[in-house]
Amino acid sequence: MPTCSEADCEASAAVELHIPWDENRLVCAGHARVWAQKDGVVADPLDDADF
């Protein structure tokens, strides 16, 4: 399982973020909650994610 792409985060990635103005990112559930509040960002849970 990949780790979160956010700096200084060692948690497992649980969500793929589709960000219109940047590349897609794999992030943990905590960072996904923050990112998903931004306009245009779509959060897709990973099939093998453990929430």
PDB file of N, CA and C in Angstrom:
ATOM      1  N   MET A   1       0.852  -1.176   0.000  1.00  0.00           N
ATOM      2  CA  MET A   1       0.000   0.000   0.000  1.00  0.00           C
ATOM      3  C   MET A   1       0.898   1.239   0.000  1.00  0.00           C
ATOM      4  N   PRO A   2       0.617   2.188  -0.884  1.00  0.00           N
ATOM      5  CA  PRO A   2       1.423   3.419  -0.928  1.00  0.00           C
ATOM      6  C   PRO A   2       1.158   4.291   0.296  1.00  0.00           C
ATOM      7  N   THR A   3       2.087   5.179   0.570  1.00  0.00           N
ATOM      8  CA  THR A   3       1.909   6.108   1.679  1.00  0.00           C
ATOM      9  C   THR A   3       1.349   7.436   1.151  1.00  0.00           C
ATOM     10  N   CYS A   4       0.858   8.220   2.061  1.00  0.00           N
ATOM     11  CA  CYS A   4       0.298   9.536   1.747  1.00  0.00           C
ATOM     12  C   CYS A   4       1.357  10.406   1.074  1.00  0.00           C
ATOM     13  N   SER A   5       0.952  11.147   0.051  1.00  0.00           N
ATOM     14  CA  SER A   5       1.896  11.990  -0.685  1.00  0.00           C
ATOM     15  C   SER A   5       2.130  13.351  -0.028  1.00  0.00           C
ATOM     16  N   GLU A   6       1.407  13.656   1.038  1.00  0.00           N
ATOM     17  CA  GLU A   6       1.603  14.935   1.722  1.00  0.00           C
ATOM     18  C   GLU A   6       2.903  14.895   2.531  1.00  0.00           C
ATOM     19  N   ALA A   7       3.571  16.026   2.593  1.00  0.00           N
ATOM     20  CA  ALA A   7       4.857  16.126   3.290  1.00  0.00           C
ATOM     21  C   ALA A   7       4.721  15.742   4.758  1.00  0.00           C
ATOM     22  N   ASP A   8       5.682  14.993   5.256  1.00  0.00           N
ATOM     23  CA  ASP A   8       5.773  14.587   6.663  1.00  0.00           C
ATOM     24  C   ASP A   8       4.618  13.703   7.126  1.00  0.00           C
ATOM     25  N   CYS A   9       3.941  13.023   6.213  1.00  0.00           N
ATOM     26  CA  CYS A   9       2.860  12.117   6.596  1.00  0.00           C
ATOM     27  C   CYS A   9       3.264  10.697   6.210  1.00  0.00           C
ATOM     28  N   GLU A  10       3.256   9.804   7.171  1.00  0.00           N
ATOM     29  CA  GLU A  10       3.646   8.414   6.939  1.00  0.00           C
ATOM     30  C   GLU A  10       2.442   7.477   6.888  1.00  0.00           C
ATOM     31  N   ALA A  11       1.230   8.009   6.933  1.00  0.00           N
ATOM     32  CA  ALA A  11       0.016   7.190   6.920  1.00  0.00           C
ATOM     33  C   ALA A  11      -0.166   6.538   5.544  1.00  0.00           C
ATOM     34  N   SER A  12      -0.903   5.442   5.524  1.00  0.00           N
ATOM     35  CA  SER A  12      -1.206   4.763   4.261  1.00  0.00           C
ATOM     36  C   SER A  12      -2.185   5.585   3.442  1.00  0.00           C
ATOM     37  N   ALA A  13      -1.972   5.591   2.144  1.00  0.00           N
ATOM     38  CA  ALA A  13      -2.897   6.282   1.250  1.00  0.00           C
ATOM     39  C   ALA A  13      -4.218   5.530   1.212  1.00  0.00           C
ATOM     40  N   ALA A  14      -5.314   6.255   1.270  1.00  0.00           N
ATOM     41  CA  ALA A  14      -6.640   5.656   1.246  1.00  0.00           C
ATOM     42  C   ALA A  14      -7.525   6.249   0.154  1.00  0.00           C
ATOM     43  N   VAL A  15      -7.094   7.374  -0.411  1.00  0.00           N
ATOM     44  CA  VAL A  15      -7.928   8.119  -1.357  1.00  0.00           C
ATOM     45  C   VAL A  15      -7.061   8.657  -2.490  1.00  0.00           C
ATOM     46  N   GLU A  16      -7.608   8.618  -3.705  1.00  0.00           N
ATOM     47  CA  GLU A  16      -6.959   9.295  -4.822  1.00  0.00           C
ATOM     48  C   GLU A  16      -7.709  10.597  -5.052  1.00  0.00           C
ATOM     49  N   LEU A  17      -6.975  11.695  -5.018  1.00  0.00           N
ATOM     50  CA  LEU A  17      -7.566  13.011  -5.259  1.00  0.00           C
ATOM     51  C   LEU A  17      -7.383  13.381  -6.720  1.00  0.00           C
ATOM     52  N   HIS A  18      -8.449  13.842  -7.341  1.00  0.00           N
ATOM     53  CA  HIS A  18      -8.396  14.352  -8.706  1.00  0.00           C
ATOM     54  C   HIS A  18      -8.465  15.875  -8.574  1.00  0.00           C
ATOM     55  N   ILE A  19      -7.334  16.523  -8.848  1.00  0.00           N
ATOM     56  CA  ILE A  19      -7.188  17.962  -8.648  1.00  0.00           C
ATOM     57  C   ILE A  19      -7.066  18.629 -10.021  1.00  0.00           C
ATOM     58  N   PRO A  20      -8.039  19.455 -10.402  1.00  0.00           N
ATOM     59  CA  PRO A  20      -8.043  20.027 -11.748  1.00  0.00           C
ATOM     60  C   PRO A  20      -6.805  20.862 -12.090  1.00  0.00           C
ATOM     61  N   TRP A  21      -6.207  21.529 -11.135  1.00  0.00           N
ATOM     62  CA  TRP A  21      -5.087  22.429 -11.399  1.00  0.00           C
ATOM     63  C   TRP A  21      -3.725  21.795 -11.114  1.00  0.00           C
ATOM     64  N   ASP A  22      -3.705  20.478 -10.767  1.00  0.00           N
ATOM     65  CA  ASP A  22      -2.458  19.799 -10.421  1.00  0.00           C
ATOM     66  C   ASP A  22      -2.599  18.316 -10.767  1.00  0.00           C
ATOM     67  N   GLU A  23      -1.541  17.567 -10.552  1.00  0.00           N
ATOM     68  CA  GLU A  23      -1.597  16.126 -10.789  1.00  0.00           C
ATOM     69  C   GLU A  23      -2.431  15.449  -9.704  1.00  0.00           C
ATOM     70  N   ASN A  24      -2.965  14.268 -10.024  1.00  0.00           N
ATOM     71  CA  ASN A  24      -3.686  13.482  -9.030  1.00  0.00           C
ATOM     72  C   ASN A  24      -2.737  13.096  -7.903  1.00  0.00           C
ATOM     73  N   ARG A  25      -3.273  12.922  -6.698  1.00  0.00           N
ATOM     74  CA  ARG A  25      -2.460  12.565  -5.529  1.00  0.00           C
ATOM     75  C   ARG A  25      -3.107  11.427  -4.766  1.00  0.00           C
ATOM     76  N   LEU A  26      -2.278  10.584  -4.171  1.00  0.00           N
ATOM     77  CA  LEU A  26      -2.747   9.553  -3.249  1.00  0.00           C
ATOM     78  C   LEU A  26      -2.483  10.066  -1.844  1.00  0.00           C
ATOM     79  N   VAL A  27      -3.536  10.159  -1.045  1.00  0.00           N
ATOM     80  CA  VAL A  27      -3.403  10.715   0.297  1.00  0.00           C
ATOM     81  C   VAL A  27      -4.155   9.854   1.312  1.00  0.00           C
ATOM     82  N   CYS A  28      -3.846  10.088   2.586  1.00  0.00           N
ATOM     83  CA  CYS A  28      -4.539   9.392   3.672  1.00  0.00           C
ATOM     84  C   CYS A  28      -5.931  10.002   3.857  1.00  0.00           C
ATOM     85  N   ALA A  29      -6.757   9.357   4.643  1.00  0.00           N
ATOM     86  CA  ALA A  29      -8.130   9.825   4.863  1.00  0.00           C
ATOM     87  C   ALA A  29      -8.159  11.226   5.475  1.00  0.00           C
ATOM     88  N   GLY A  30      -7.265  11.511   6.389  1.00  0.00           N
ATOM     89  CA  GLY A  30      -7.236  12.825   7.032  1.00  0.00           C
ATOM     90  C   GLY A  30      -6.945  13.949   6.050  1.00  0.00           C
ATOM     91  N   HIS A  31      -5.936  13.769   5.221  1.00  0.00           N
ATOM     92  CA  HIS A  31      -5.625  14.796   4.230  1.00  0.00           C
ATOM     93  C   HIS A  31      -6.704  14.864   3.150  1.00  0.00           C
ATOM     94  N   ALA A  32      -7.348  13.759   2.837  1.00  0.00           N
ATOM     95  CA  ALA A  32      -8.432  13.761   1.847  1.00  0.00           C
ATOM     96  C   ALA A  32      -9.593  14.624   2.313  1.00  0.00           C
ATOM     97  N   ARG A  33      -9.912  14.575   3.614  1.00  0.00           N
ATOM     98  CA  ARG A  33     -11.008  15.399   4.136  1.00  0.00           C
ATOM     99  C   ARG A  33     -10.721  16.880   3.929  1.00  0.00           C
ATOM    100  N   VAL A  34      -9.483  17.280   4.124  1.00  0.00           N
ATOM    101  CA  VAL A  34      -9.115  18.684   3.952  1.00  0.00           C
ATOM    102  C   VAL A  34      -9.176  19.077   2.472  1.00  0.00           C
ATOM    103  N   TRP A  35      -8.565  18.262   1.613  1.00  0.00           N
ATOM    104  CA  TRP A  35      -8.524  18.567   0.188  1.00  0.00           C
ATOM    105  C   TRP A  35      -9.906  18.552  -0.449  1.00  0.00           C
ATOM    106  N   ALA A  36     -10.767  17.633  -0.042  1.00  0.00           N
ATOM    107  CA  ALA A  36     -12.085  17.476  -0.670  1.00  0.00           C
ATOM    108  C   ALA A  36     -12.984  18.691  -0.462  1.00  0.00           C
ATOM    109  N   GLN A  37     -12.631  19.564   0.462  1.00  0.00           N
ATOM    110  CA  GLN A  37     -13.420  20.771   0.707  1.00  0.00           C
ATOM    111  C   GLN A  37     -13.118  21.880  -0.301  1.00  0.00           C
ATOM    112  N   LYS A  38     -12.073  21.698  -1.102  1.00  0.00           N
ATOM    113  CA  LYS A  38     -11.701  22.710  -2.086  1.00  0.00           C
ATOM    114  C   LYS A  38     -12.513  22.510  -3.358  1.00  0.00           C
ATOM    115  N   ASP A  39     -12.917  23.613  -3.986  1.00  0.00           N
ATOM    116  CA  ASP A  39     -13.728  23.557  -5.204  1.00  0.00           C
ATOM    117  C   ASP A  39     -13.026  22.769  -6.306  1.00  0.00           C
ATOM    118  N   GLY A  40     -13.755  21.843  -6.912  1.00  0.00           N
ATOM    119  CA  GLY A  40     -13.250  21.097  -8.052  1.00  0.00           C
ATOM    120  C   GLY A  40     -12.514  19.825  -7.722  1.00  0.00           C
ATOM    121  N   VAL A  41     -12.145  19.610  -6.468  1.00  0.00           N
ATOM    122  CA  VAL A  41     -11.394  18.412  -6.086  1.00  0.00           C
ATOM    123  C   VAL A  41     -12.369  17.264  -5.862  1.00  0.00           C
ATOM    124  N   VAL A  42     -12.057  16.122  -6.476  1.00  0.00           N
ATOM    125  CA  VAL A  42     -12.873  14.920  -6.324  1.00  0.00           C
ATOM    126  C   VAL A  42     -12.027  13.861  -5.623  1.00  0.00           C
ATOM    127  N   ALA A  43     -12.585  13.266  -4.581  1.00  0.00           N
ATOM    128  CA  ALA A  43     -11.884  12.236  -3.804  1.00  0.00           C
ATOM    129  C   ALA A  43     -12.492  10.873  -4.106  1.00  0.00           C
ATOM    130  N   ASP A  44     -11.664   9.952  -4.610  1.00  0.00           N
ATOM    131  CA  ASP A  44     -12.095   8.585  -4.895  1.00  0.00           C
ATOM    132  C   ASP A  44     -11.384   7.637  -3.940  1.00  0.00           C
ATOM    133  N   PRO A  45     -12.149   6.893  -3.122  1.00  0.00           N
ATOM    134  CA  PRO A  45     -11.518   5.928  -2.232  1.00  0.00           C
ATOM    135  C   PRO A  45     -10.808   4.835  -3.038  1.00  0.00           C
ATOM    136  N   LEU A  46      -9.667   4.405  -2.549  1.00  0.00           N
ATOM    137  CA  LEU A  46      -8.948   3.306  -3.184  1.00  0.00           C
ATOM    138  C   LEU A  46      -9.630   1.988  -2.835  1.00  0.00           C
ATOM    139  N   ASP A  47      -9.664   1.057  -3.772  1.00  0.00           N
ATOM    140  CA  ASP A  47     -10.346  -0.222  -3.569  1.00  0.00           C
ATOM    141  C   ASP A  47      -9.801  -1.007  -2.371  1.00  0.00           C
ATOM    142  N   ASP A  48      -8.495  -0.973  -2.176  1.00  0.00           N
ATOM    143  CA  ASP A  48      -7.888  -1.754  -1.103  1.00  0.00           C
ATOM    144  C   ASP A  48      -7.552  -0.926   0.130  1.00  0.00           C
ATOM    145  N   ALA A  49      -8.195   0.230   0.278  1.00  0.00           N
ATOM    146  CA  ALA A  49      -7.925   1.119   1.408  1.00  0.00           C
ATOM    147  C   ALA A  49      -8.522   0.565   2.690  1.00  0.00           C
ATOM    148  N   ASP A  50      -7.804   0.800   3.776  1.00  0.00           N
ATOM    149  CA  ASP A  50      -8.262   0.381   5.098  1.00  0.00           C
ATOM    150  C   ASP A  50      -8.553   1.632   5.906  1.00  0.00           C
ATOM    151  N   PHE A  51      -9.837   1.975   6.040  1.00  0.00           N
ATOM    152  CA  PHE A  51     -10.224   3.202   6.768  1.00  0.00           C
ATOM    153  C   PHE A  51     -10.302   2.954   8.239  1.00  0.00           C
TER     154      PHE A  51
END
